[in-house]
């Protein structure tokens, strides 16, 4: 897509004048600052891991008597370990950033949408894992009641 700065590559350039020189001058646009440090506290990561463990444990209790179900639970467990393991490796690659276990929550956390309180960040991150954990518990309770 051509803009006014590259338009003259396709057409004849206008007369050299002060107006033409100002039109060719690039506009300085401030860039959004990059946040390389992971600010999610380690407690949120632990809670998320525990929620997935509860979910998989509930499924194992409820459906673990069937070979195909055991295979699917093993695959899901592998994906969960891969997810948390790869996240840990990627976090560990940035040696200059603060580690999640060293991050003390003081005030608001920086997010893409602006500063948010640690409770709001935890609520957004943990909503789905907590619901999955509740689902696993409910499935296990139903299985215990039915027999």
C-alpha atoms as a PDB file:
ATOM      1  CA  UNK A   1       0.000   0.000   0.000  1.00  0.00           C
ATOM      2  CA  UNK A   2       1.414   3.358  -0.967  1.00  0.00           C
ATOM      3  CA  UNK A   3       1.337   6.351   1.301  1.00  0.00           C
ATOM      4  CA  UNK A   4       2.191   9.961   0.520  1.00  0.00           C
ATOM      5  CA  UNK A   5       5.885   9.377   1.256  1.00  0.00           C
ATOM      6  CA  UNK A   6       6.228   6.531  -1.236  1.00  0.00           C
ATOM      7  CA  UNK A   7       3.813   7.914  -3.826  1.00  0.00           C
ATOM      8  CA  UNK A   8       6.603   9.751  -5.630  1.00  0.00           C
ATOM      9  CA  UNK A   9       8.275   6.450  -6.507  1.00  0.00           C
ATOM     10  CA  UNK A  10       5.402   5.806  -8.942  1.00  0.00           C
ATOM     11  CA  UNK A  11       4.913   9.350 -10.278  1.00  0.00           C
ATOM     12  CA  UNK A  12       7.000  12.342 -11.182  1.00  0.00           C
ATOM     13  CA  UNK A  13       8.240  14.261  -8.180  1.00  0.00           C
ATOM     14  CA  UNK A  14       6.793  17.756  -7.770  1.00  0.00           C
ATOM     15  CA  UNK A  15       8.870  20.882  -7.778  1.00  0.00           C
ATOM     16  CA  UNK A  16      11.386  21.147  -4.991  1.00  0.00           C
ATOM     17  CA  UNK A  17       9.840  23.549  -2.592  1.00  0.00           C
ATOM     18  CA  UNK A  18       9.566  24.011   1.118  1.00  0.00           C
ATOM     19  CA  UNK A  19       6.090  22.451   1.148  1.00  0.00           C
ATOM     20  CA  UNK A  20       7.330  19.375  -0.707  1.00  0.00           C
ATOM     21  CA  UNK A  21      10.234  18.964   1.709  1.00  0.00           C
ATOM     22  CA  UNK A  22       7.879  19.138   4.699  1.00  0.00           C
ATOM     23  CA  UNK A  23       5.584  16.569   3.121  1.00  0.00           C
ATOM     24  CA  UNK A  24       8.484  14.145   2.703  1.00  0.00           C
ATOM     25  CA  UNK A  25       9.689  14.503   6.273  1.00  0.00           C
ATOM     26  CA  UNK A  26       8.814  11.351   8.272  1.00  0.00           C
ATOM     27  CA  UNK A  27       6.476  11.812  11.187  1.00  0.00           C
ATOM     28  CA  UNK A  28       7.826  10.777  14.566  1.00  0.00           C
ATOM     29  CA  UNK A  29       5.308   8.518  16.279  1.00  0.00           C
ATOM     30  CA  UNK A  30       6.034   7.496  19.870  1.00  0.00           C
ATOM     31  CA  UNK A  31       6.248   3.759  20.307  1.00  0.00           C
ATOM     32  CA  UNK A  32       4.414   1.887  23.060  1.00  0.00           C
ATOM     33  CA  UNK A  33       6.962   0.939  25.718  1.00  0.00           C
ATOM     34  CA  UNK A  34       7.773  -2.747  25.917  1.00  0.00           C
ATOM     35  CA  UNK A  35       7.466  -4.538  29.235  1.00  0.00           C
ATOM     36  CA  UNK A  36       9.881  -7.437  29.276  1.00  0.00           C
ATOM     37  CA  UNK A  37       9.507  -8.314  32.940  1.00  0.00           C
ATOM     38  CA  UNK A  38       6.813 -10.841  33.737  1.00  0.00           C
ATOM     39  CA  UNK A  39       4.808  -9.356  36.553  1.00  0.00           C
ATOM     40  CA  UNK A  40       2.402 -12.230  37.199  1.00  0.00           C
ATOM     41  CA  UNK A  41       3.075 -13.371  40.776  1.00  0.00           C
ATOM     42  CA  UNK A  42       4.108 -16.962  41.351  1.00  0.00           C
ATOM     43  CA  UNK A  43       1.004 -17.564  43.481  1.00  0.00           C
ATOM     44  CA  UNK A  44      -1.198 -17.118  40.399  1.00  0.00           C
ATOM     45  CA  UNK A  45       0.881 -19.663  38.463  1.00  0.00           C
ATOM     46  CA  UNK A  46       0.645 -22.120  41.379  1.00  0.00           C
ATOM     47  CA  UNK A  47      -3.118 -21.622  41.673  1.00  0.00           C
ATOM     48  CA  UNK A  48      -3.538 -22.191  37.937  1.00  0.00           C
ATOM     49  CA  UNK A  49      -1.462 -25.384  38.079  1.00  0.00           C
ATOM     50  CA  UNK A  50      -3.446 -26.600  41.103  1.00  0.00           C
ATOM     51  CA  UNK A  51      -6.749 -25.931  39.308  1.00  0.00           C
ATOM     52  CA  UNK A  52      -5.668 -28.003  36.317  1.00  0.00           C
ATOM     53  CA  UNK A  53      -4.489 -30.744  38.676  1.00  0.00           C
ATOM     54  CA  UNK A  54      -7.880 -30.786  40.430  1.00  0.00           C
ATOM     55  CA  UNK A  55      -9.645 -30.907  37.064  1.00  0.00           C
ATOM     56  CA  UNK A  56      -7.551 -33.812  35.797  1.00  0.00           C
ATOM     57  CA  UNK A  57      -7.840 -35.606  39.154  1.00  0.00           C
ATOM     58  CA  UNK A  58     -11.632 -35.301  39.049  1.00  0.00           C
ATOM     59  CA  UNK A  59     -11.711 -36.677  35.521  1.00  0.00           C
ATOM     60  CA  UNK A  60      -9.393 -39.507  36.509  1.00  0.00           C
ATOM     61  CA  UNK A  61     -11.624 -40.433  39.444  1.00  0.00           C
ATOM     62  CA  UNK A  62     -14.819 -40.183  37.421  1.00  0.00           C
ATOM     63  CA  UNK A  63     -13.765 -41.886  34.178  1.00  0.00           C
ATOM     64  CA  UNK A  64     -10.508 -43.633  35.042  1.00  0.00           C
ATOM     65  CA  UNK A  65     -11.963 -47.127  34.756  1.00  0.00           C
ATOM     66  CA  UNK A  66     -12.028 -47.021  30.964  1.00  0.00           C
ATOM     67  CA  UNK A  67      -8.898 -47.537  28.868  1.00  0.00           C
ATOM     68  CA  UNK A  68      -9.762 -44.919  26.250  1.00  0.00           C
ATOM     69  CA  UNK A  69     -10.570 -42.358  28.941  1.00  0.00           C
ATOM     70  CA  UNK A  70      -7.245 -43.062  30.676  1.00  0.00           C
ATOM     71  CA  UNK A  71      -5.472 -42.483  27.369  1.00  0.00           C
ATOM     72  CA  UNK A  72      -7.226 -39.147  26.855  1.00  0.00           C
ATOM     73  CA  UNK A  73      -6.464 -38.071  30.435  1.00  0.00           C
ATOM     74  CA  UNK A  74      -2.807 -38.995  29.903  1.00  0.00           C
ATOM     75  CA  UNK A  75      -2.719 -36.853  26.741  1.00  0.00           C
ATOM     76  CA  UNK A  76      -4.369 -33.948  28.597  1.00  0.00           C
ATOM     77  CA  UNK A  77      -1.874 -34.310  31.434  1.00  0.00           C
ATOM     78  CA  UNK A  78       0.961 -34.221  28.911  1.00  0.00           C
ATOM     79  CA  UNK A  79      -0.413 -31.028  27.354  1.00  0.00           C
ATOM     80  CA  UNK A  80      -0.760 -29.441  30.783  1.00  0.00           C
ATOM     81  CA  UNK A  81       2.820 -30.305  31.693  1.00  0.00           C
ATOM     82  CA  UNK A  82       3.973 -29.023  28.308  1.00  0.00           C
ATOM     83  CA  UNK A  83       2.077 -25.746  28.797  1.00  0.00           C
ATOM     84  CA  UNK A  84       3.517 -25.012  32.226  1.00  0.00           C
ATOM     85  CA  UNK A  85       6.969 -26.377  31.372  1.00  0.00           C
ATOM     86  CA  UNK A  86       7.303 -24.306  28.204  1.00  0.00           C
ATOM     87  CA  UNK A  87       6.089 -21.214  30.063  1.00  0.00           C
ATOM     88  CA  UNK A  88       8.768 -21.807  32.679  1.00  0.00           C
ATOM     89  CA  UNK A  89      11.462 -22.217  30.035  1.00  0.00           C
ATOM     90  CA  UNK A  90      10.415 -19.044  28.206  1.00  0.00           C
ATOM     91  CA  UNK A  91      10.338 -17.077  31.461  1.00  0.00           C
ATOM     92  CA  UNK A  92      13.782 -18.406  32.305  1.00  0.00           C
ATOM     93  CA  UNK A  93      15.255 -17.195  29.007  1.00  0.00           C
ATOM     94  CA  UNK A  94      15.114 -13.547  30.074  1.00  0.00           C
ATOM     95  CA  UNK A  95      17.895 -13.520  32.663  1.00  0.00           C
ATOM     96  CA  UNK A  96      17.567  -9.800  33.369  1.00  0.00           C
ATOM     97  CA  UNK A  97      13.843  -9.846  34.140  1.00  0.00           C
ATOM     98  CA  UNK A  98      12.472 -10.293  37.620  1.00  0.00           C
ATOM     99  CA  UNK A  99      11.547 -13.885  38.342  1.00  0.00           C
ATOM    100  CA  UNK A 100       7.882 -14.578  39.222  1.00  0.00           C
ATOM    101  CA  UNK A 101       8.869 -15.857  42.669  1.00  0.00           C
ATOM    102  CA  UNK A 102      10.871 -12.660  43.265  1.00  0.00           C
ATOM    103  CA  UNK A 103       8.093 -10.351  42.118  1.00  0.00           C
ATOM    104  CA  UNK A 104       6.425  -8.752  45.092  1.00  0.00           C
ATOM    105  CA  UNK A 105       3.048  -7.278  44.309  1.00  0.00           C
ATOM    106  CA  UNK A 106       3.235  -3.605  45.169  1.00  0.00           C
ATOM    107  CA  UNK A 107       0.462  -1.575  43.639  1.00  0.00           C
ATOM    108  CA  UNK A 108      -0.931  -2.097  40.176  1.00  0.00           C
ATOM    109  CA  UNK A 109       0.435  -4.439  37.519  1.00  0.00           C
ATOM    110  CA  UNK A 110       1.060  -3.211  33.972  1.00  0.00           C
ATOM    111  CA  UNK A 111      -1.166  -4.878  31.374  1.00  0.00           C
ATOM    112  CA  UNK A 112      -1.897  -4.209  27.717  1.00  0.00           C
ATOM    113  CA  UNK A 113      -4.996  -2.291  28.682  1.00  0.00           C
ATOM    114  CA  UNK A 114      -3.297  -0.285  31.411  1.00  0.00           C
ATOM    115  CA  UNK A 115      -2.555  -0.708  35.112  1.00  0.00           C
ATOM    116  CA  UNK A 116      -4.727  -3.218  36.973  1.00  0.00           C
ATOM    117  CA  UNK A 117      -4.858  -4.334  40.571  1.00  0.00           C
ATOM    118  CA  UNK A 118      -3.365  -7.748  41.382  1.00  0.00           C
ATOM    119  CA  UNK A 119      -6.844  -9.039  42.296  1.00  0.00           C
ATOM    120  CA  UNK A 120      -8.245  -8.031  38.911  1.00  0.00           C
ATOM    121  CA  UNK A 121      -5.312  -9.684  37.136  1.00  0.00           C
ATOM    122  CA  UNK A 122      -5.774 -12.858  39.167  1.00  0.00           C
ATOM    123  CA  UNK A 123      -9.502 -12.836  38.435  1.00  0.00           C
ATOM    124  CA  UNK A 124      -8.925 -12.581  34.706  1.00  0.00           C
ATOM    125  CA  UNK A 125      -6.211 -15.213  34.614  1.00  0.00           C
ATOM    126  CA  UNK A 126      -7.833 -17.724  36.990  1.00  0.00           C
ATOM    127  CA  UNK A 127     -11.466 -17.613  35.822  1.00  0.00           C
ATOM    128  CA  UNK A 128     -11.208 -20.513  33.362  1.00  0.00           C
ATOM    129  CA  UNK A 129      -8.903 -22.709  35.517  1.00  0.00           C
ATOM    130  CA  UNK A 130     -11.189 -22.308  38.556  1.00  0.00           C
ATOM    131  CA  UNK A 131     -14.240 -23.202  36.448  1.00  0.00           C
ATOM    132  CA  UNK A 132     -12.417 -26.272  35.107  1.00  0.00           C
ATOM    133  CA  UNK A 133     -11.483 -27.303  38.654  1.00  0.00           C
ATOM    134  CA  UNK A 134     -15.119 -26.945  39.742  1.00  0.00           C
ATOM    135  CA  UNK A 135     -16.181 -29.013  36.749  1.00  0.00           C
ATOM    136  CA  UNK A 136     -13.719 -31.760  37.731  1.00  0.00           C
ATOM    137  CA  UNK A 137     -14.986 -31.746  41.330  1.00  0.00           C
ATOM    138  CA  UNK A 138     -18.627 -31.847  40.196  1.00  0.00           C
ATOM    139  CA  UNK A 139     -17.946 -34.752  37.832  1.00  0.00           C
ATOM    140  CA  UNK A 140     -16.177 -36.632  40.640  1.00  0.00           C
ATOM    141  CA  UNK A 141     -19.083 -35.951  43.066  1.00  0.00           C
ATOM    142  CA  UNK A 142     -21.631 -37.155  40.511  1.00  0.00           C
ATOM    143  CA  UNK A 143     -19.575 -40.301  39.935  1.00  0.00           C
ATOM    144  CA  UNK A 144     -19.353 -40.910  43.708  1.00  0.00           C
ATOM    145  CA  UNK A 145     -23.113 -40.453  44.130  1.00  0.00           C
ATOM    146  CA  UNK A 146     -24.067 -42.668  41.179  1.00  0.00           C
ATOM    147  CA  UNK A 147     -21.570 -45.351  41.970  1.00  0.00           C
END
